[in-house]
Amino acid sequence: MAESVKWGERGARLNDIAPGIIVTPLAIDEFNGPRGDFYKNMFAKCPAGRPGTADEVANVAELLMGPAGAFITGSTILIDGGATASYYYGPLKPKQ
């Protein structure tokens, strides 16, 4: 955020994309590995119910870099299908 103020003086916009689990060969290995049950549970209990795709991340990048995102700066866009929200407010929230 702080850098977006500095770079904004030069006409630039700075943003960040923070993806969750995105389907890649590494993610597929993790899903089928020893921690696979953890990921399957997370996907089952998050709002999207699935991992993301590279195209979905690219869509966010297109928004941020294109004219439709001209007023967005200093932001981190969380693209995780609601997994983080589920950890704070939903069925993935740790029991206390």
C-alpha atoms as a PDB file:
ATOM      1  CA  MET A   1       0.000   0.000   0.000  1.00  0.00           C
ATOM      2  CA  ALA A   2       2.719   2.448   0.944  1.00  0.00           C
ATOM      3  CA  GLU A   3       4.515   1.972  -2.351  1.00  0.00           C
ATOM      4  CA  SER A   4       1.295   2.649  -4.255  1.00  0.00           C
ATOM      5  CA  VAL A   5       1.318   6.165  -2.803  1.00  0.00           C
ATOM      6  CA  LYS A   6       4.894   6.764  -3.970  1.00  0.00           C
ATOM      7  CA  TRP A   7       4.376   5.216  -7.397  1.00  0.00           C
ATOM      8  CA  GLY A   8       1.013   6.927  -7.797  1.00  0.00           C
ATOM      9  CA  GLU A   9       2.883  10.219  -7.982  1.00  0.00           C
ATOM     10  CA  ARG A  10       4.459   8.851 -11.156  1.00  0.00           C
ATOM     11  CA  GLY A  11       1.144   7.674 -12.605  1.00  0.00           C
ATOM     12  CA  ALA A  12       1.590   4.008 -11.737  1.00  0.00           C
ATOM     13  CA  ARG A  13      -0.831   1.686  -9.975  1.00  0.00           C
ATOM     14  CA  LEU A  14       0.453  -1.081  -7.703  1.00  0.00           C
ATOM     15  CA  ASN A  15      -1.677  -4.059  -6.761  1.00  0.00           C
ATOM     16  CA  ASP A  16      -1.147  -7.622  -5.658  1.00  0.00           C
ATOM     17  CA  ILE A  17      -2.916 -10.858  -6.488  1.00  0.00           C
ATOM     18  CA  ALA A  18      -2.919 -13.349  -3.599  1.00  0.00           C
ATOM     19  CA  PRO A  19      -4.068 -16.700  -4.983  1.00  0.00           C
ATOM     20  CA  GLY A  20      -5.114 -19.690  -2.960  1.00  0.00           C
ATOM     21  CA  ILE A  21      -4.705 -23.200  -4.326  1.00  0.00           C
ATOM     22  CA  ILE A  22      -4.514 -23.007  -8.123  1.00  0.00           C
ATOM     23  CA  VAL A  23      -4.576 -26.159 -10.247  1.00  0.00           C
ATOM     24  CA  THR A  24      -0.987 -26.768 -11.323  1.00  0.00           C
ATOM     25  CA  PRO A  25       1.097 -29.949 -11.516  1.00  0.00           C
ATOM     26  CA  LEU A  26       2.462 -29.164  -8.031  1.00  0.00           C
ATOM     27  CA  ALA A  27      -1.032 -28.649  -6.610  1.00  0.00           C
ATOM     28  CA  ILE A  28      -2.175 -31.957  -8.106  1.00  0.00           C
ATOM     29  CA  ASP A  29       0.793 -33.698  -6.461  1.00  0.00           C
ATOM     30  CA  GLU A  30      -0.154 -32.110  -3.117  1.00  0.00           C
ATOM     31  CA  PHE A  31      -3.808 -33.072  -3.559  1.00  0.00           C
ATOM     32  CA  ASN A  32      -2.815 -36.695  -4.173  1.00  0.00           C
ATOM     33  CA  GLY A  33      -0.054 -36.727  -1.533  1.00  0.00           C
ATOM     34  CA  PRO A  34       0.030 -37.162   2.250  1.00  0.00           C
ATOM     35  CA  ARG A  35      -1.806 -33.856   2.849  1.00  0.00           C
ATOM     36  CA  GLY A  36      -4.471 -34.612   0.270  1.00  0.00           C
ATOM     37  CA  ASP A  37      -7.216 -35.091   2.870  1.00  0.00           C
ATOM     38  CA  PHE A  38      -6.499 -31.601   4.249  1.00  0.00           C
ATOM     39  CA  TYR A  39      -6.992 -30.051   0.795  1.00  0.00           C
ATOM     40  CA  LYS A  40     -10.074 -32.137   0.000  1.00  0.00           C
ATOM     41  CA  ASN A  41     -11.656 -30.998   3.275  1.00  0.00           C
ATOM     42  CA  MET A  42     -10.747 -27.372   2.591  1.00  0.00           C
ATOM     43  CA  PHE A  43     -12.279 -27.456  -0.888  1.00  0.00           C
ATOM     44  CA  ALA A  44     -15.416 -29.197   0.360  1.00  0.00           C
ATOM     45  CA  LYS A  45     -15.970 -26.552   3.034  1.00  0.00           C
ATOM     46  CA  CYS A  46     -15.088 -23.354   1.190  1.00  0.00           C
ATOM     47  CA  PRO A  47     -17.727 -21.419  -0.768  1.00  0.00           C
ATOM     48  CA  ALA A  48     -16.326 -22.244  -4.226  1.00  0.00           C
ATOM     49  CA  GLY A  49     -15.964 -25.918  -3.357  1.00  0.00           C
ATOM     50  CA  ARG A  50     -12.926 -26.336  -5.600  1.00  0.00           C
ATOM     51  CA  PRO A  51      -9.428 -25.040  -6.357  1.00  0.00           C
ATOM     52  CA  GLY A  52      -8.900 -22.156  -8.742  1.00  0.00           C
ATOM     53  CA  THR A  53      -7.539 -22.168 -12.263  1.00  0.00           C
ATOM     54  CA  ALA A  54      -4.754 -20.221 -13.904  1.00  0.00           C
ATOM     55  CA  ASP A  55      -7.354 -18.612 -16.179  1.00  0.00           C
ATOM     56  CA  GLU A  56      -9.204 -17.256 -13.140  1.00  0.00           C
ATOM     57  CA  VAL A  57      -6.015 -15.645 -11.860  1.00  0.00           C
ATOM     58  CA  ALA A  58      -5.375 -14.248 -15.349  1.00  0.00           C
ATOM     59  CA  ASN A  59      -8.872 -12.731 -15.346  1.00  0.00           C
ATOM     60  CA  VAL A  60      -8.060 -10.812 -12.169  1.00  0.00           C
ATOM     61  CA  ALA A  61      -4.754  -9.668 -13.668  1.00  0.00           C
ATOM     62  CA  GLU A  62      -6.590  -8.498 -16.785  1.00  0.00           C
ATOM     63  CA  LEU A  63      -8.988  -6.493 -14.637  1.00  0.00           C
ATOM     64  CA  LEU A  64      -6.183  -4.897 -12.637  1.00  0.00           C
ATOM     65  CA  MET A  65      -4.083  -3.996 -15.687  1.00  0.00           C
ATOM     66  CA  GLY A  66      -6.900  -2.897 -17.952  1.00  0.00           C
ATOM     67  CA  PRO A  67      -9.105   0.181 -18.108  1.00  0.00           C
ATOM     68  CA  ALA A  68     -11.786  -1.445 -15.931  1.00  0.00           C
ATOM     69  CA  GLY A  69      -9.267  -1.453 -13.054  1.00  0.00           C
ATOM     70  CA  ALA A  70      -8.079   2.127 -13.535  1.00  0.00           C
ATOM     71  CA  PHE A  71      -9.265   3.202 -10.076  1.00  0.00           C
ATOM     72  CA  ILE A  72      -7.796   0.200  -8.215  1.00  0.00           C
ATOM     73  CA  THR A  73      -4.431   0.775  -6.556  1.00  0.00           C
ATOM     74  CA  GLY A  74      -2.766  -0.209  -3.309  1.00  0.00           C
ATOM     75  CA  SER A  75      -4.913  -3.332  -3.083  1.00  0.00           C
ATOM     76  CA  THR A  76      -4.333  -7.003  -2.504  1.00  0.00           C
ATOM     77  CA  ILE A  77      -6.921  -9.105  -4.307  1.00  0.00           C
ATOM     78  CA  LEU A  78      -7.459 -12.408  -2.517  1.00  0.00           C
ATOM     79  CA  ILE A  79      -8.558 -15.063  -5.008  1.00  0.00           C
ATOM     80  CA  ASP A  80      -9.009 -18.262  -3.031  1.00  0.00           C
ATOM     81  CA  GLY A  81     -12.613 -19.315  -3.587  1.00  0.00           C
ATOM     82  CA  GLY A  82     -13.536 -18.138  -0.114  1.00  0.00           C
ATOM     83  CA  ALA A  83     -11.162 -20.472   1.735  1.00  0.00           C
ATOM     84  CA  THR A  84      -9.774 -17.692   3.937  1.00  0.00           C
ATOM     85  CA  ALA A  85     -13.292 -16.479   4.755  1.00  0.00           C
ATOM     86  CA  SER A  86     -14.210 -20.037   5.742  1.00  0.00           C
ATOM     87  CA  TYR A  87     -11.277 -20.131   8.165  1.00  0.00           C
ATOM     88  CA  TYR A  88     -12.385 -16.881   9.810  1.00  0.00           C
ATOM     89  CA  TYR A  89     -16.159 -17.170   9.657  1.00  0.00           C
ATOM     90  CA  GLY A  90     -17.218 -20.557   8.363  1.00  0.00           C
ATOM     91  CA  PRO A  91     -16.882 -24.284   8.742  1.00  0.00           C
ATOM     92  CA  LEU A  92     -13.072 -24.246   8.622  1.00  0.00           C
ATOM     93  CA  LYS A  93     -12.823 -21.932  11.634  1.00  0.00           C
ATOM     94  CA  PRO A  94     -10.643 -23.595  14.292  1.00  0.00           C
ATOM     95  CA  LYS A  95     -12.520 -24.681  17.399  1.00  0.00           C
ATOM     96  CA  GLN A  96     -11.635 -22.741  20.508  1.00  0.00           C
END
